[in-house]
Amino acid sequence: MNVSPTVKVSLTVALFLLLVVLSAFFVKRMFFTPPIEATIHNESSNVTQVIQVNVVNASGEQGVAKKAMDYLRHRGFDVIEISNSPEQQTTSEVLDRVGDSIMVHQVAYAMGISSSHISTELDTNMYLHATILIGTDYPALKPFK
């Protein structure tokens, strides 16, 4: 079966373009938007722990905490509780409840909250790693894009 040179060139160009597109998706996924990890592996005890959070809607809009919960659970986080704050807050933030900055940064990254909006408010009675306070800036967060 003879294939014309034009067909060979067209096929080569198409394969090259496919390779470029697939490479671009790979680079974007791995380096610009790496996968979100909802677990922490403790090397000393060789245990993997799921990050547990509660979500507080401080935006004043209905359904915001539930949408964030669905987003986080889909990504493997254990959302213990959602609630509404009686007071509105303009800026979303993550509160570290156990003093584990690695976990809290993973939570902030997953939500699209800047690391400058992470605070430490230890509360070991809550039995969770972090509290996510969703403010009126919620449309800019990852679950709402």
Foldseek 3Di string as FASTA:
>chain_A
DDDDPVVVVVVVVVVVVVVVVVVVVVCCDPPVPDQQDQWDQDPVVRDIGGAEEEEEEQAPDPPLRVLVVVQVVVSRHHHPYYYYDPHADAAKAKEFADPDLVNRVSVCSSFVHDPVRYYYDHDVVVVGGMYIYDHNVNCPTDSND
